[in-house]
N, C-alpha and C. Protein backbone atom coordinates (compact mmCIF):
# COMPACT_ATOMS: atom_id res chain seq x y z
N MET A 1 94.37 93.20 86.89
CA MET A 1 93.95 91.80 86.44
C MET A 1 94.54 90.62 86.92
N ILE A 2 96.00 90.59 86.86
CA ILE A 2 96.60 89.64 87.60
C ILE A 2 96.25 89.28 89.14
N LEU A 3 96.28 90.54 89.73
CA LEU A 3 95.94 90.50 91.14
C LEU A 3 94.57 89.87 91.59
N ARG A 4 93.79 90.08 90.70
CA ARG A 4 92.27 89.61 91.04
C ARG A 4 92.22 88.19 90.95
N ASN A 5 93.17 87.48 90.28
CA ASN A 5 93.14 86.15 90.26
C ASN A 5 94.04 85.43 91.26
N LEU A 6 94.83 86.28 92.14
CA LEU A 6 95.67 85.60 92.95
C LEU A 6 95.12 85.28 94.17
N PRO A 7 93.88 85.73 94.94
CA PRO A 7 93.33 85.24 96.15
C PRO A 7 92.74 83.91 96.02
N ASN A 8 92.55 83.36 94.94
CA ASN A 8 91.89 82.12 94.67
C ASN A 8 93.06 81.13 95.06
N SER A 9 94.17 81.48 95.24
CA SER A 9 95.16 80.38 95.77
C SER A 9 96.34 80.97 96.53
N PRO A 10 96.42 80.86 97.51
CA PRO A 10 97.46 81.35 98.48
C PRO A 10 98.94 80.79 97.97
N ALA A 11 98.93 79.87 97.35
CA ALA A 11 100.29 79.39 96.97
C ALA A 11 100.74 80.00 95.64
N ARG A 12 99.85 80.70 94.97
CA ARG A 12 100.42 81.63 93.66
C ARG A 12 100.59 83.06 94.37
N ILE A 13 100.12 83.50 95.48
CA ILE A 13 100.35 84.71 96.07
C ILE A 13 101.98 85.13 96.30
N ILE A 14 102.40 83.89 96.87
CA ILE A 14 103.59 84.11 97.49
C ILE A 14 104.99 84.45 96.34
N PRO A 15 104.82 83.56 95.22
CA PRO A 15 105.91 84.09 94.06
C PRO A 15 105.59 85.54 93.54
N ALA A 16 104.40 86.07 93.33
CA ALA A 16 104.07 87.44 92.92
C ALA A 16 104.58 88.26 94.06
N ALA A 17 104.16 88.14 95.29
CA ALA A 17 104.70 89.03 96.40
C ALA A 17 106.36 89.19 96.37
N MET A 18 107.07 87.88 96.37
CA MET A 18 108.32 87.89 96.20
C MET A 18 109.16 88.63 95.00
N ALA A 19 108.37 88.66 93.79
CA ALA A 19 108.79 89.40 92.76
C ALA A 19 108.49 90.93 92.86
N LEU A 20 107.43 91.41 93.48
CA LEU A 20 107.25 92.60 93.81
C LEU A 20 108.52 93.11 94.65
N ILE A 21 108.70 92.49 95.73
CA ILE A 21 109.74 92.81 96.60
C ILE A 21 111.12 92.97 95.95
N ALA A 22 111.43 92.17 95.23
CA ALA A 22 112.81 92.07 94.55
C ALA A 22 112.86 93.07 93.38
N SER A 23 111.75 93.39 92.80
CA SER A 23 111.91 94.56 92.01
C SER A 23 111.97 95.90 92.42
N GLY A 24 111.19 96.04 93.67
CA GLY A 24 111.38 97.34 94.52
C GLY A 24 112.68 97.33 94.99
N LEU A 25 113.30 96.17 95.43
CA LEU A 25 114.72 96.57 95.96
C LEU A 25 115.63 96.71 94.82
N GLY A 26 115.48 96.27 93.46
CA GLY A 26 116.45 96.56 92.56
C GLY A 26 116.38 98.04 92.16
N ILE A 27 114.85 98.40 92.02
CA ILE A 27 114.95 99.95 91.93
C ILE A 27 115.33 100.69 92.89
N LEU A 28 115.49 100.29 94.22
CA LEU A 28 115.75 101.06 95.34
C LEU A 28 117.48 101.04 95.33
N VAL A 29 117.95 100.18 94.97
CA VAL A 29 119.27 100.19 94.65
C VAL A 29 119.82 101.02 93.47
N GLY A 30 119.09 100.89 92.48
CA GLY A 30 119.47 101.80 91.39
C GLY A 30 119.23 103.42 91.79
N ALA A 31 118.38 103.69 92.67
CA ALA A 31 118.04 105.13 92.99
C ALA A 31 119.08 105.48 93.98
N ILE A 32 119.58 104.78 95.02
CA ILE A 32 120.65 104.92 95.83
C ILE A 32 121.82 105.27 94.96
N VAL A 33 122.35 104.59 94.12
CA VAL A 33 123.56 104.79 93.38
C VAL A 33 123.47 105.79 92.00
N TRP A 34 122.27 106.55 92.18
CA TRP A 34 121.89 107.28 90.83
C TRP A 34 123.06 108.41 90.80
N LEU A 35 123.32 109.06 91.76
CA LEU A 35 124.33 110.28 91.76
C LEU A 35 125.74 109.95 91.54
N THR A 36 125.96 108.47 91.92
CA THR A 36 127.37 108.28 91.85
C THR A 36 127.76 107.54 90.52
N HIS A 37 126.61 107.11 89.72
CA HIS A 37 126.71 106.69 88.35
C HIS A 37 127.33 107.62 87.50
N PRO A 38 128.21 107.51 86.38
CA PRO A 38 128.43 108.66 85.46
C PRO A 38 127.43 108.49 84.47
N VAL A 39 126.46 107.97 84.27
CA VAL A 39 125.56 108.42 83.38
C VAL A 39 124.52 109.55 83.78
N SER A 40 124.31 109.51 85.05
CA SER A 40 123.54 110.53 85.68
C SER A 40 124.28 111.95 85.73
N ALA A 41 125.50 111.85 85.28
CA ALA A 41 126.01 113.19 85.29
C ALA A 41 125.83 113.89 83.85
N VAL A 42 124.78 113.58 83.30
CA VAL A 42 124.40 114.17 82.00
C VAL A 42 123.84 115.54 82.50
N PRO A 43 123.92 116.61 81.57
CA PRO A 43 123.37 117.95 82.16
C PRO A 43 121.94 118.18 82.02
N ALA A 44 121.19 117.07 82.64
CA ALA A 44 119.82 117.31 82.21
C ALA A 44 119.30 118.13 83.42
N GLY A 45 120.03 118.67 84.28
CA GLY A 45 119.73 119.72 85.33
C GLY A 45 119.21 119.09 86.77
N ALA A 46 119.76 119.88 87.83
CA ALA A 46 119.35 119.28 89.32
C ALA A 46 118.07 118.68 89.42
N THR A 47 117.05 119.94 88.95
CA THR A 47 115.73 119.47 89.25
C THR A 47 115.00 118.48 88.60
N TRP A 48 115.41 117.93 87.31
CA TRP A 48 115.04 116.74 86.77
C TRP A 48 115.80 115.36 87.42
N ASN A 49 116.96 115.71 87.80
CA ASN A 49 117.80 114.45 88.23
C ASN A 49 117.05 114.19 89.78
N GLY A 50 116.84 115.25 90.46
CA GLY A 50 116.04 115.05 91.69
C GLY A 50 114.79 114.59 91.60
N PHE A 51 114.04 114.84 90.71
CA PHE A 51 112.84 114.43 90.56
C PHE A 51 112.93 113.02 90.00
N LEU A 52 113.61 112.51 89.17
CA LEU A 52 113.46 111.18 88.73
C LEU A 52 114.11 110.20 89.90
N ARG A 53 114.99 110.66 90.49
CA ARG A 53 115.46 109.90 91.74
C ARG A 53 114.26 109.81 92.77
N GLY A 54 113.69 110.99 93.03
CA GLY A 54 112.64 110.74 93.98
C GLY A 54 111.57 109.82 93.58
N ALA A 55 111.38 109.95 92.22
CA ALA A 55 110.20 108.97 91.59
C ALA A 55 110.45 107.67 91.98
N ALA A 56 111.77 107.35 91.60
CA ALA A 56 112.34 106.08 91.66
C ALA A 56 112.23 105.48 93.05
N PHE A 57 112.63 106.33 94.19
CA PHE A 57 112.36 105.95 95.64
C PHE A 57 110.90 105.49 95.75
N GLY A 58 109.90 106.48 95.47
CA GLY A 58 108.58 106.45 95.68
C GLY A 58 108.13 105.10 95.02
N PHE A 59 108.32 104.74 93.80
CA PHE A 59 107.98 103.49 93.15
C PHE A 59 108.55 102.50 93.81
N ALA A 60 109.82 102.40 94.28
CA ALA A 60 110.31 101.05 95.05
C ALA A 60 109.49 100.88 96.14
N ILE A 61 109.41 101.88 97.00
CA ILE A 61 108.56 101.85 98.29
C ILE A 61 107.21 101.24 97.94
N VAL A 62 106.41 101.76 96.83
CA VAL A 62 105.14 101.22 96.57
C VAL A 62 105.16 99.84 96.34
N LEU A 63 106.25 99.30 95.60
CA LEU A 63 106.19 98.02 95.00
C LEU A 63 106.59 97.07 96.36
N GLU A 64 107.63 97.54 97.18
CA GLU A 64 107.86 96.77 98.46
C GLU A 64 106.70 96.77 99.24
N ALA A 65 105.93 97.64 99.67
CA ALA A 65 104.71 97.62 100.49
C ALA A 65 103.98 96.85 99.94
N THR A 66 103.62 96.82 98.45
CA THR A 66 102.54 95.87 97.96
C THR A 66 102.90 94.48 98.05
N GLY A 67 104.20 94.17 97.97
CA GLY A 67 104.73 92.84 98.28
C GLY A 67 104.46 92.39 99.58
N VAL A 68 104.80 93.28 100.50
CA VAL A 68 104.82 92.79 101.96
C VAL A 68 103.17 92.47 102.19
N VAL A 69 102.21 93.31 101.79
CA VAL A 69 101.02 93.22 101.94
C VAL A 69 100.36 91.93 101.48
N LEU A 70 100.91 91.52 100.34
CA LEU A 70 100.46 90.51 99.56
C LEU A 70 101.00 89.31 100.24
N ALA A 71 102.26 89.18 100.86
CA ALA A 71 102.67 87.98 101.55
C ALA A 71 101.94 87.89 102.94
N ALA A 72 101.41 89.04 103.53
CA ALA A 72 100.81 88.89 104.70
C ALA A 72 99.42 88.24 104.52
N VAL A 73 98.81 88.63 103.26
CA VAL A 73 97.42 87.97 102.89
C VAL A 73 97.53 86.53 102.79
N ALA A 74 98.58 85.97 102.11
CA ALA A 74 98.99 84.83 101.87
C ALA A 74 99.18 83.98 103.06
N ALA A 75 99.68 84.69 104.00
CA ALA A 75 100.15 83.86 105.29
C ALA A 75 98.80 83.73 105.88
N ALA A 76 97.93 84.68 105.91
CA ALA A 76 96.58 84.79 106.73
C ALA A 76 95.81 83.76 106.07
N ALA A 77 95.65 83.60 104.66
CA ALA A 77 94.89 82.42 103.95
C ALA A 77 95.45 81.32 104.09
N ARG A 78 96.62 81.24 104.33
CA ARG A 78 97.02 79.73 104.49
C ARG A 78 96.95 79.15 106.07
N ASP A 79 96.68 80.03 107.02
CA ASP A 79 96.37 79.74 108.48
C ASP A 79 94.98 79.37 108.50
N GLN A 80 94.27 79.97 107.60
CA GLN A 80 92.82 79.80 107.75
C GLN A 80 92.00 78.36 107.16
N LYS A 81 92.87 78.03 106.03
CA LYS A 81 92.78 76.61 105.43
C LYS A 81 92.67 75.57 106.38
N PRO A 82 91.88 74.51 106.42
CA PRO A 82 92.17 73.22 107.11
C PRO A 82 93.23 72.43 106.56
């Protein structure tokens, strides 16, 4: 619903794109330090630990890719307007 309202104004797309990229980077950092943090040493099993870490990596990549696509759309829309 929020993304449907963004194409009306390229100036509103940039903050949303940067928020997605920043969120993705934060989740990516959390996934990278997952195995070195003492909380992840909980005996949840190696399979669940690996699954959750992989899901975090995937979610971070999707957020960052969406942010980059939105930023590219905003740049293209900004160049087209007189």
